[in-house]
PDB file of N, CA and C in Angstrom:
ATOM      1  N   MET A   1      27.307 125.893 170.351  1.00  0.00           N
ATOM      2  CA  MET A   1      26.465 125.111 169.308  1.00  0.00           C
ATOM      3  C   MET A   1      26.657 123.677 169.960  1.00  0.00           C
ATOM      4  N   GLU A   2      25.591 122.914 169.982  1.00  0.00           N
ATOM      5  CA  GLU A   2      25.661 121.437 170.479  1.00  0.00           C
ATOM      6  C   GLU A   2      26.343 120.744 169.439  1.00  0.00           C
ATOM      7  N   ILE A   3      27.283 119.758 170.049  1.00  0.00           N
ATOM      8  CA  ILE A   3      27.884 118.775 169.011  1.00  0.00           C
ATOM      9  C   ILE A   3      27.022 117.747 169.005  1.00  0.00           C
ATOM     10  N   ILE A   4      26.996 116.945 167.737  1.00  0.00           N
ATOM     11  CA  ILE A   4      26.192 115.684 167.421  1.00  0.00           C
ATOM     12  C   ILE A   4      26.911 114.438 168.314  1.00  0.00           C
ATOM     13  N   LYS A   5      26.187 113.992 169.182  1.00  0.00           N
ATOM     14  CA  LYS A   5      26.755 112.651 169.937  1.00  0.00           C
ATOM     15  C   LYS A   5      26.355 111.478 168.875  1.00  0.00           C
ATOM     16  N   LYS A   6      25.231 111.447 168.543  1.00  0.00           N
ATOM     17  CA  LYS A   6      24.811 110.284 167.673  1.00  0.00           C
ATOM     18  C   LYS A   6      24.079 110.471 166.417  1.00  0.00           C
ATOM     19  N   ILE A   7      24.413 110.148 165.377  1.00  0.00           N
ATOM     20  CA  ILE A   7      23.863 110.310 164.185  1.00  0.00           C
ATOM     21  C   ILE A   7      23.449 108.901 163.420  1.00  0.00           C
ATOM     22  N   PRO A   8      22.568 108.881 162.735  1.00  0.00           N
ATOM     23  CA  PRO A   8      21.985 107.756 162.083  1.00  0.00           C
ATOM     24  C   PRO A   8      22.973 107.211 160.947  1.00  0.00           C
ATOM     25  N   GLU A   9      22.938 105.837 160.851  1.00  0.00           N
ATOM     26  CA  GLU A   9      23.926 105.174 159.866  1.00  0.00           C
ATOM     27  C   GLU A   9      23.360 105.521 158.652  1.00  0.00           C
ATOM     28  N   LYS A  10      24.144 105.849 157.512  1.00  0.00           N
ATOM     29  CA  LYS A  10      23.673 105.661 156.061  1.00  0.00           C
ATOM     30  C   LYS A  10      22.866 104.394 155.968  1.00  0.00           C
ATOM     31  N   GLY A  11      21.768 104.508 154.895  1.00  0.00           N
ATOM     32  CA  GLY A  11      20.946 103.094 154.647  1.00  0.00           C
ATOM     33  C   GLY A  11      19.554 103.548 154.576  1.00  0.00           C
ATOM     34  N   PHE A  12      18.799 102.465 154.589  1.00  0.00           N
ATOM     35  CA  PHE A  12      17.394 102.388 154.265  1.00  0.00           C
ATOM     36  C   PHE A  12      16.777 102.553 155.622  1.00  0.00           C
ATOM     37  N   TYR A  13      15.491 103.058 155.825  1.00  0.00           N
ATOM     38  CA  TYR A  13      14.738 103.051 157.072  1.00  0.00           C
ATOM     39  C   TYR A  13      13.227 102.942 156.664  1.00  0.00           C
ATOM     40  N   TYR A  14      12.642 102.373 157.676  1.00  0.00           N
ATOM     41  CA  TYR A  14      11.112 102.562 157.586  1.00  0.00           C
ATOM     42  C   TYR A  14      10.739 103.426 158.646  1.00  0.00           C
ATOM     43  N   HIS A  15       9.821 104.304 158.316  1.00  0.00           N
ATOM     44  CA  HIS A  15       8.958 104.902 159.206  1.00  0.00           C
ATOM     45  C   HIS A  15       8.007 104.204 159.881  1.00  0.00           C
ATOM     46  N   TYR A  16       7.724 104.634 161.255  1.00  0.00           N
ATOM     47  CA  TYR A  16       6.675 104.031 161.910  1.00  0.00           C
ATOM     48  C   TYR A  16       5.256 103.665 161.309  1.00  0.00           C
ATOM     49  N   LYS A  17       5.073 104.428 160.269  1.00  0.00           N
ATOM     50  CA  LYS A  17       3.685 104.074 159.625  1.00  0.00           C
ATOM     51  C   LYS A  17       3.707 102.910 158.569  1.00  0.00           C
ATOM     52  N   HIS A  18       5.037 102.505 158.452  1.00  0.00           N
ATOM     53  CA  HIS A  18       5.129 101.318 157.356  1.00  0.00           C
ATOM     54  C   HIS A  18       4.366 100.289 157.821  1.00  0.00           C
ATOM     55  N   ASP A  19       3.669  99.588 156.832  1.00  0.00           N
ATOM     56  CA  ASP A  19       2.816  98.559 156.822  1.00  0.00           C
ATOM     57  C   ASP A  19       3.515  97.457 156.308  1.00  0.00           C
ATOM     58  N   PRO A  20       3.833  96.391 157.292  1.00  0.00           N
ATOM     59  CA  PRO A  20       4.649  95.104 156.700  1.00  0.00           C
ATOM     60  C   PRO A  20       3.732  94.409 155.922  1.00  0.00           C
ATOM     61  N   LYS A  21       2.488  94.477 156.068  1.00  0.00           N
ATOM     62  CA  LYS A  21       1.609  93.741 155.108  1.00  0.00           C
ATOM     63  C   LYS A  21       1.456  94.389 153.847  1.00  0.00           C
ATOM     64  N   GLY A  22       1.875  95.543 153.569  1.00  0.00           N
ATOM     65  CA  GLY A  22       1.704  96.260 152.529  1.00  0.00           C
ATOM     66  C   GLY A  22       2.943  96.215 151.376  1.00  0.00           C
ATOM     67  N   ASP A  23       3.058  96.936 150.488  1.00  0.00           N
ATOM     68  CA  ASP A  23       4.473  97.167 149.727  1.00  0.00           C
ATOM     69  C   ASP A  23       5.589  97.139 150.414  1.00  0.00           C
ATOM     70  N   MET A  24       6.601  96.424 149.952  1.00  0.00           N
ATOM     71  CA  MET A  24       7.751  96.497 150.778  1.00  0.00           C
ATOM     72  C   MET A  24       8.480  97.952 150.939  1.00  0.00           C
ATOM     73  N   ASN A  25       7.972  98.854 150.070  1.00  0.00           N
ATOM     74  CA  ASN A  25       8.668 100.091 150.034  1.00  0.00           C
ATOM     75  C   ASN A  25       7.714 101.235 150.556  1.00  0.00           C
ATOM     76  N   ASN A  26       6.592 100.866 151.036  1.00  0.00           N
ATOM     77  CA  ASN A  26       5.702 101.793 151.661  1.00  0.00           C
ATOM     78  C   ASN A  26       6.253 102.369 153.086  1.00  0.00           C
ATOM     79  N   TYR A  27       6.209 103.596 152.867  1.00  0.00           N
ATOM     80  CA  TYR A  27       7.205 104.425 154.163  1.00  0.00           C
ATOM     81  C   TYR A  27       8.530 104.003 154.264  1.00  0.00           C
ATOM     82  N   SER A  28       9.371 103.686 153.189  1.00  0.00           N
ATOM     83  CA  SER A  28      10.499 103.456 153.422  1.00  0.00           C
ATOM     84  C   SER A  28      11.306 104.605 152.569  1.00  0.00           C
ATOM     85  N   TYR A  29      12.698 104.878 153.204  1.00  0.00           N
ATOM     86  CA  TYR A  29      13.311 105.787 153.025  1.00  0.00           C
ATOM     87  C   TYR A  29      14.800 105.631 153.085  1.00  0.00           C
ATOM     88  N   GLU A  30      15.609 106.487 152.013  1.00  0.00           N
ATOM     89  CA  GLU A  30      17.114 106.437 152.217  1.00  0.00           C
ATOM     90  C   GLU A  30      17.782 107.412 152.991  1.00  0.00           C
ATOM     91  N   TYR A  31      18.273 107.302 153.879  1.00  0.00           N
ATOM     92  CA  TYR A  31      18.875 108.086 154.630  1.00  0.00           C
ATOM     93  C   TYR A  31      20.196 108.558 154.101  1.00  0.00           C
ATOM     94  N   VAL A  32      20.140 109.857 153.796  1.00  0.00           N
ATOM     95  CA  VAL A  32      21.587 110.475 153.062  1.00  0.00           C
ATOM     96  C   VAL A  32      22.608 111.187 153.907  1.00  0.00           C
ATOM     97  N   GLY A  33      22.140 111.920 154.881  1.00  0.00           N
ATOM     98  CA  GLY A  33      23.067 112.360 155.621  1.00  0.00           C
ATOM     99  C   GLY A  33      22.464 113.438 156.632  1.00  0.00           C
ATOM    100  N   VAL A  34      23.342 114.195 157.326  1.00  0.00           N
ATOM    101  CA  VAL A  34      23.095 115.338 158.164  1.00  0.00           C
ATOM    102  C   VAL A  34      23.567 116.526 157.807  1.00  0.00           C
ATOM    103  N   ALA A  35      22.693 117.615 157.731  1.00  0.00           N
ATOM    104  CA  ALA A  35      23.209 118.998 157.334  1.00  0.00           C
ATOM    105  C   ALA A  35      22.963 119.733 158.614  1.00  0.00           C
ATOM    106  N   LEU A  36      23.902 120.936 158.649  1.00  0.00           N
ATOM    107  CA  LEU A  36      23.621 121.946 159.445  1.00  0.00           C
ATOM    108  C   LEU A  36      23.188 123.167 158.956  1.00  0.00           C
ATOM    109  N   HIS A  37      21.985 123.840 159.478  1.00  0.00           N
ATOM    110  CA  HIS A  37      21.347 124.999 158.974  1.00  0.00           C
ATOM    111  C   HIS A  37      22.502 126.119 159.727  1.00  0.00           C
ATOM    112  N   SER A  38      22.982 126.931 158.684  1.00  0.00           N
ATOM    113  CA  SER A  38      23.992 127.957 158.998  1.00  0.00           C
ATOM    114  C   SER A  38      23.570 128.936 159.779  1.00  0.00           C
ATOM    115  N   GLU A  39      22.194 129.466 159.582  1.00  0.00           N
ATOM    116  CA  GLU A  39      21.776 130.428 160.359  1.00  0.00           C
ATOM    117  C   GLU A  39      21.220 130.154 161.733  1.00  0.00           C
ATOM    118  N   GLU A  40      20.237 129.009 161.754  1.00  0.00           N
ATOM    119  CA  GLU A  40      19.537 128.822 162.945  1.00  0.00           C
ATOM    120  C   GLU A  40      20.548 127.729 163.861  1.00  0.00           C
ATOM    121  N   ARG A  41      21.643 127.224 163.210  1.00  0.00           N
ATOM    122  CA  ARG A  41      22.559 126.260 164.000  1.00  0.00           C
ATOM    123  C   ARG A  41      21.722 125.072 164.494  1.00  0.00           C
ATOM    124  N   ASN A  42      20.942 124.425 163.739  1.00  0.00           N
ATOM    125  CA  ASN A  42      20.509 123.377 163.987  1.00  0.00           C
ATOM    126  C   ASN A  42      20.716 122.275 162.962  1.00  0.00           C
ATOM    127  N   TYR A  43      20.773 120.903 163.487  1.00  0.00           N
ATOM    128  CA  TYR A  43      21.018 119.737 162.652  1.00  0.00           C
ATOM    129  C   TYR A  43      19.694 119.315 161.796  1.00  0.00           C
ATOM    130  N   THR A  44      19.679 118.889 160.518  1.00  0.00           N
ATOM    131  CA  THR A  44      18.654 118.392 159.985  1.00  0.00           C
ATOM    132  C   THR A  44      19.020 117.242 159.332  1.00  0.00           C
ATOM    133  N   VAL A  45      18.210 116.153 159.103  1.00  0.00           N
ATOM    134  CA  VAL A  45      18.308 114.969 158.478  1.00  0.00           C
ATOM    135  C   VAL A  45      18.032 115.044 156.958  1.00  0.00           C
ATOM    136  N   ILE A  46      18.912 114.728 156.109  1.00  0.00           N
ATOM    137  CA  ILE A  46      18.274 114.587 154.560  1.00  0.00           C
ATOM    138  C   ILE A  46      18.157 113.198 154.276  1.00  0.00           C
ATOM    139  N   TYR A  47      16.885 113.252 153.829  1.00  0.00           N
ATOM    140  CA  TYR A  47      16.520 111.642 153.233  1.00  0.00           C
ATOM    141  C   TYR A  47      15.508 111.847 151.957  1.00  0.00           C
ATOM    142  N   ARG A  48      15.207 110.551 151.565  1.00  0.00           N
ATOM    143  CA  ARG A  48      14.409 110.580 150.339  1.00  0.00           C
ATOM    144  C   ARG A  48      13.268 109.373 150.295  1.00  0.00           C
ATOM    145  N   PRO A  49      12.171 109.726 149.842  1.00  0.00           N
ATOM    146  CA  PRO A  49      11.220 108.290 149.761  1.00  0.00           C
ATOM    147  C   PRO A  49      11.729 107.575 148.813  1.00  0.00           C
ATOM    148  N   LEU A  50      11.233 106.369 148.850  1.00  0.00           N
ATOM    149  CA  LEU A  50      11.281 104.975 147.971  1.00  0.00           C
ATOM    150  C   LEU A  50      10.036 104.744 147.533  1.00  0.00           C
ATOM    151  N   TYR A  51       9.369 105.502 147.562  1.00  0.00           N
ATOM    152  CA  TYR A  51       7.822 105.204 147.018  1.00  0.00           C
ATOM    153  C   TYR A  51       7.232 106.486 146.339  1.00  0.00           C
ATOM    154  N   GLU A  52       6.390 106.377 145.654  1.00  0.00           N
ATOM    155  CA  GLU A  52       5.694 107.644 144.755  1.00  0.00           C
ATOM    156  C   GLU A  52       5.172 108.446 145.892  1.00  0.00           C
ATOM    157  N   ASN A  53       5.356 109.738 145.627  1.00  0.00           N
ATOM    158  CA  ASN A  53       4.910 110.673 146.843  1.00  0.00           C
ATOM    159  C   ASN A  53       4.605 111.944 146.076  1.00  0.00           C
ATOM    160  N   ASP A  54       3.300 112.136 145.688  1.00  0.00           N
ATOM    161  CA  ASP A  54       2.682 113.412 144.881  1.00  0.00           C
ATOM    162  C   ASP A  54       3.069 114.799 145.706  1.00  0.00           C
ATOM    163  N   PHE A  55       3.103 114.663 147.141  1.00  0.00           N
ATOM    164  CA  PHE A  55       3.496 115.731 147.824  1.00  0.00           C
ATOM    165  C   PHE A  55       4.882 116.324 147.885  1.00  0.00           C
ATOM    166  N   LEU A  56       5.763 115.334 147.534  1.00  0.00           N
ATOM    167  CA  LEU A  56       7.181 116.049 147.513  1.00  0.00           C
ATOM    168  C   LEU A  56       7.651 116.480 146.005  1.00  0.00           C
ATOM    169  N   ALA A  57       6.841 116.077 145.029  1.00  0.00           N
ATOM    170  CA  ALA A  57       7.108 116.467 143.563  1.00  0.00           C
ATOM    171  C   ALA A  57       7.258 118.078 143.770  1.00  0.00           C
ATOM    172  N   PRO A  58       8.392 118.767 143.115  1.00  0.00           N
ATOM    173  CA  PRO A  58       9.356 118.240 142.233  1.00  0.00           C
ATOM    174  C   PRO A  58      10.674 118.018 143.001  1.00  0.00           C
ATOM    175  N   ALA A  59      10.445 118.329 144.487  1.00  0.00           N
ATOM    176  CA  ALA A  59      11.799 117.959 145.137  1.00  0.00           C
ATOM    177  C   ALA A  59      12.068 116.300 145.258  1.00  0.00           C
ATOM    178  N   THR A  60      13.468 116.243 145.458  1.00  0.00           N
ATOM    179  CA  THR A  60      13.912 114.758 145.412  1.00  0.00           C
ATOM    180  C   THR A  60      14.230 114.308 146.772  1.00  0.00           C
ATOM    181  N   HIS A  61      14.317 115.412 147.730  1.00  0.00           N
ATOM    182  CA  HIS A  61      14.742 115.023 149.245  1.00  0.00           C
ATOM    183  C   HIS A  61      13.784 115.719 150.093  1.00  0.00           C
ATOM    184  N   VAL A  62      13.892 115.203 151.259  1.00  0.00           N
ATOM    185  CA  VAL A  62      13.054 115.652 152.428  1.00  0.00           C
ATOM    186  C   VAL A  62      14.031 115.853 153.545  1.00  0.00           C
ATOM    187  N   VAL A  63      13.868 116.937 154.540  1.00  0.00           N
ATOM    188  CA  VAL A  63      14.359 117.193 155.639  1.00  0.00           C
ATOM    189  C   VAL A  63      13.623 117.172 156.829  1.00  0.00           C
ATOM    190  N   ARG A  64      14.080 116.881 158.024  1.00  0.00           N
ATOM    191  CA  ARG A  64      13.539 116.712 159.263  1.00  0.00           C
ATOM    192  C   ARG A  64      14.540 117.013 160.362  1.00  0.00           C
ATOM    193  N   PRO A  65      14.138 117.630 161.406  1.00  0.00           N
ATOM    194  CA  PRO A  65      15.037 118.056 162.423  1.00  0.00           C
ATOM    195  C   PRO A  65      15.831 116.549 162.870  1.00  0.00           C
ATOM    196  N   LEU A  66      17.032 116.364 163.356  1.00  0.00           N
ATOM    197  CA  LEU A  66      17.482 115.494 163.658  1.00  0.00           C
ATOM    198  C   LEU A  66      17.057 114.823 164.810  1.00  0.00           C
ATOM    199  N   ASP A  67      16.589 115.608 165.761  1.00  0.00           N
ATOM    200  CA  ASP A  67      16.279 115.282 166.946  1.00  0.00           C
ATOM    201  C   ASP A  67      14.647 114.518 166.741  1.00  0.00           C
ATOM    202  N   MET A  68      13.775 115.136 165.614  1.00  0.00           N
ATOM    203  CA  MET A  68      12.749 114.338 165.364  1.00  0.00           C
ATOM    204  C   MET A  68      12.982 113.008 164.761  1.00  0.00           C
ATOM    205  N   TRP A  69      13.922 112.957 163.820  1.00  0.00           N
ATOM    206  CA  TRP A  69      14.375 111.729 163.266  1.00  0.00           C
ATOM    207  C   TRP A  69      14.813 110.441 164.141  1.00  0.00           C
ATOM    208  N   MET A  70      15.478 111.113 165.362  1.00  0.00           N
ATOM    209  CA  MET A  70      15.939 110.012 166.186  1.00  0.00           C
ATOM    210  C   MET A  70      14.994 109.819 167.293  1.00  0.00           C
ATOM    211  N   GLY A  71      13.856 110.368 167.266  1.00  0.00           N
ATOM    212  CA  GLY A  71      12.885 110.459 168.425  1.00  0.00           C
ATOM    213  C   GLY A  71      12.050 109.108 168.304  1.00  0.00           C
ATOM    214  N   MET A  72      11.360 109.131 169.692  1.00  0.00           N
ATOM    215  CA  MET A  72      10.292 108.014 169.671  1.00  0.00           C
ATOM    216  C   MET A  72       9.078 108.582 169.367  1.00  0.00           C
ATOM    217  N   VAL A  73       7.873 107.749 169.127  1.00  0.00           N
ATOM    218  CA  VAL A  73       6.629 108.172 168.921  1.00  0.00           C
ATOM    219  C   VAL A  73       5.742 107.248 169.656  1.00  0.00           C
ATOM    220  N   GLU A  74       4.606 107.595 170.066  1.00  0.00           N
ATOM    221  CA  GLU A  74       3.763 106.886 170.604  1.00  0.00           C
ATOM    222  C   GLU A  74       2.346 106.629 169.809  1.00  0.00           C
ATOM    223  N   LYS A  75       1.965 105.465 169.809  1.00  0.00           N
ATOM    224  CA  LYS A  75       0.695 105.059 168.947  1.00  0.00           C
ATOM    225  C   LYS A  75       0.090 103.847 169.593  1.00  0.00           C
ATOM    226  N   ASP A  76      -1.123 104.066 169.885  1.00  0.00           N
ATOM    227  CA  ASP A  76      -2.122 102.776 170.211  1.00  0.00           C
ATOM    228  C   ASP A  76      -1.321 102.445 171.788  1.00  0.00           C
ATOM    229  N   GLY A  77      -0.850 103.285 172.492  1.00  0.00           N
ATOM    230  CA  GLY A  77      -0.273 102.978 173.942  1.00  0.00           C
ATOM    231  C   GLY A  77       1.086 102.369 173.809  1.00  0.00           C
ATOM    232  N   LYS A  78       1.691 102.183 172.551  1.00  0.00           N
ATOM    233  CA  LYS A  78       3.046 101.650 172.659  1.00  0.00           C
ATOM    234  C   LYS A  78       4.028 102.923 172.175  1.00  0.00           C
ATOM    235  N   THR A  79       5.340 102.791 172.292  1.00  0.00           N
ATOM    236  CA  THR A  79       6.276 103.605 172.286  1.00  0.00           C
ATOM    237  C   THR A  79       7.362 103.076 171.311  1.00  0.00           C
ATOM    238  N   PHE A  80       7.784 103.529 170.485  1.00  0.00           N
ATOM    239  CA  PHE A  80       8.713 102.962 169.415  1.00  0.00           C
ATOM    240  C   PHE A  80       9.469 104.106 168.660  1.00  0.00           C
ATOM    241  N   PRO A  81      10.599 103.721 168.054  1.00  0.00           N
ATOM    242  CA  PRO A  81      11.188 104.831 167.087  1.00  0.00           C
ATOM    243  C   PRO A  81      10.696 105.097 165.966  1.00  0.00           C
ATOM    244  N   ARG A  82      10.871 106.608 165.636  1.00  0.00           N
ATOM    245  CA  ARG A  82       9.936 107.106 164.588  1.00  0.00           C
ATOM    246  C   ARG A  82      10.681 106.464 163.263  1.00  0.00           C
ATOM    247  N   PHE A  83      11.939 106.165 163.111  1.00  0.00           N
ATOM    248  CA  PHE A  83      12.550 105.641 161.947  1.00  0.00           C
ATOM    249  C   PHE A  83      13.077 104.311 162.407  1.00  0.00           C
ATOM    250  N   THR A  84      13.304 103.173 161.857  1.00  0.00           N
ATOM    251  CA  THR A  84      14.017 102.080 162.075  1.00  0.00           C
ATOM    252  C   THR A  84      14.812 101.603 160.927  1.00  0.00           C
ATOM    253  N   LYS A  85      16.063 101.392 161.191  1.00  0.00           N
ATOM    254  CA  LYS A  85      17.038 100.843 160.238  1.00  0.00           C
ATOM    255  C   LYS A  85      16.547  99.574 159.555  1.00  0.00           C
ATOM    256  N   ILE A  86      16.673  99.502 158.327  1.00  0.00           N
ATOM    257  CA  ILE A  86      16.349  98.031 157.714  1.00  0.00           C
ATOM    258  C   ILE A  86      17.849  97.489 157.692  1.00  0.00           C
ATOM    259  N   THR A  87      17.600  96.237 157.949  1.00  0.00           N
ATOM    260  CA  THR A  87      18.937  95.415 157.866  1.00  0.00           C
ATOM    261  C   THR A  87      18.744  94.098 157.308  1.00  0.00           C
ATOM    262  N   ASP A  88      17.416  93.720 156.735  1.00  0.00           N
ATOM    263  CA  ASP A  88      17.411  92.412 155.959  1.00  0.00           C
ATOM    264  C   ASP A  88      18.160  92.835 154.625  1.00  0.00           C
ATOM    265  N   SER A  89      19.088  92.086 154.234  1.00  0.00           N
ATOM    266  CA  SER A  89      19.690  91.984 153.098  1.00  0.00           C
ATOM    267  C   SER A  89      18.733  91.865 151.840  1.00  0.00           C
ATOM    268  N   LYS A  90      17.644  91.042 151.700  1.00  0.00           N
ATOM    269  CA  LYS A  90      16.962  90.861 150.769  1.00  0.00           C
ATOM    270  C   LYS A  90      16.180  92.262 150.371  1.00  0.00           C
ATOM    271  N   THR A  91      15.636  92.787 151.591  1.00  0.00           N
ATOM    272  CA  THR A  91      14.923  94.072 151.606  1.00  0.00           C
ATOM    273  C   THR A  91      15.624  95.188 151.075  1.00  0.00           C
ATOM    274  N   ILE A  92      17.053  95.216 151.414  1.00  0.00           N
ATOM    275  CA  ILE A  92      18.031  96.320 151.125  1.00  0.00           C
ATOM    276  C   ILE A  92      18.347  96.095 149.487  1.00  0.00           C
ATOM    277  N   GLU A  93      18.420  94.908 149.050  1.00  0.00           N
ATOM    278  CA  GLU A  93      18.691  94.592 147.759  1.00  0.00           C
ATOM    279  C   GLU A  93      17.389  95.187 146.742  1.00  0.00           C
ATOM    280  N   GLU A  94      16.127  94.915 147.149  1.00  0.00           N
ATOM    281  CA  GLU A  94      14.915  95.199 146.613  1.00  0.00           C
ATOM    282  C   GLU A  94      14.859  96.960 146.658  1.00  0.00           C
ATOM    283  N   LEU A  95      15.235  97.451 147.476  1.00  0.00           N
ATOM    284  CA  LEU A  95      15.113  98.989 147.859  1.00  0.00           C
ATOM    285  C   LEU A  95      16.189  99.635 147.019  1.00  0.00           C
ATOM    286  N   GLN A  96      17.244  99.066 146.804  1.00  0.00           N
ATOM    287  CA  GLN A  96      18.390  99.610 145.926  1.00  0.00           C
ATOM    288  C   GLN A  96      17.881  99.582 144.505  1.00  0.00           C
ATOM    289  N   LYS A  97      17.120  98.524 144.159  1.00  0.00           N
ATOM    290  CA  LYS A  97      16.682  98.492 142.789  1.00  0.00           C
ATOM    291  C   LYS A  97      15.700  99.644 142.624  1.00  0.00           C
ATOM    292  N   ILE A  98      14.894  99.951 143.698  1.00  0.00           N
ATOM    293  CA  ILE A  98      13.612 100.944 143.490  1.00  0.00           C
ATOM    294  C   ILE A  98      14.288 102.243 143.511  1.00  0.00           C
ATOM    295  N   LYS A  99      15.325 102.473 144.335  1.00  0.00           N
ATOM    296  CA  LYS A  99      16.256 103.861 144.299  1.00  0.00           C
ATOM    297  C   LYS A  99      16.728 104.079 142.883  1.00  0.00           C
ATOM    298  N   LEU A 100      17.326 102.901 142.261  1.00  0.00           N
ATOM    299  CA  LEU A 100      17.615 103.074 141.022  1.00  0.00           C
ATOM    300  C   LEU A 100      16.743 103.512 139.893  1.00  0.00           C
ATOM    301  N   GLU A 101      15.605 102.971 139.936  1.00  0.00           N
ATOM    302  CA  GLU A 101      14.287 103.328 139.055  1.00  0.00           C
ATOM    303  C   GLU A 101      13.861 104.737 139.315  1.00  0.00           C
ATOM    304  N   MET A 102      13.935 105.171 140.550  1.00  0.00           N
ATOM    305  CA  MET A 102      13.289 106.339 140.910  1.00  0.00           C
ATOM    306  C   MET A 102      14.255 107.390 140.595  1.00  0.00           C
ATOM    307  N   TYR A 103      15.649 107.366 141.045  1.00  0.00           N
ATOM    308  CA  TYR A 103      16.369 108.362 141.107  1.00  0.00           C
ATOM    309  C   TYR A 103      17.660 108.207 140.200  1.00  0.00           C
ATOM    310  N   GLY A 104      17.840 106.977 139.647  1.00  0.00           N
ATOM    311  CA  GLY A 104      18.798 106.819 138.540  1.00  0.00           C
ATOM    312  C   GLY A 104      20.190 106.707 139.123  1.00  0.00           C
ATOM    313  N   GLU A 105      20.430 106.405 140.428  1.00  0.00           N
ATOM    314  CA  GLU A 105      21.664 106.077 141.189  1.00  0.00           C
ATOM    315  C   GLU A 105      21.866 104.982 141.712  1.00  0.00           C
TER     316      GLU A 105
END
């Protein structure tokens, strides 16, 4: 079984579809951690959206293969990370409030 060499830091992330001109929380997520699928022996990222998402209901979390989370995407001839960690303290403070409203934590 492959050993994880690099895992994301816990915190808030933007998906590459995030529109900086839109709501602060569009395509924003809280990264919760990494899980191991006990039968398939692959690593999966557990995360949850910080925006209303009808597709997700009634689930509260989303999973994605670790390789995909950590991967790069190409759009309009440019390559960039699929998810980018949010480091701005004011944005993080606002996303914490949204998380509290949505999930009560």
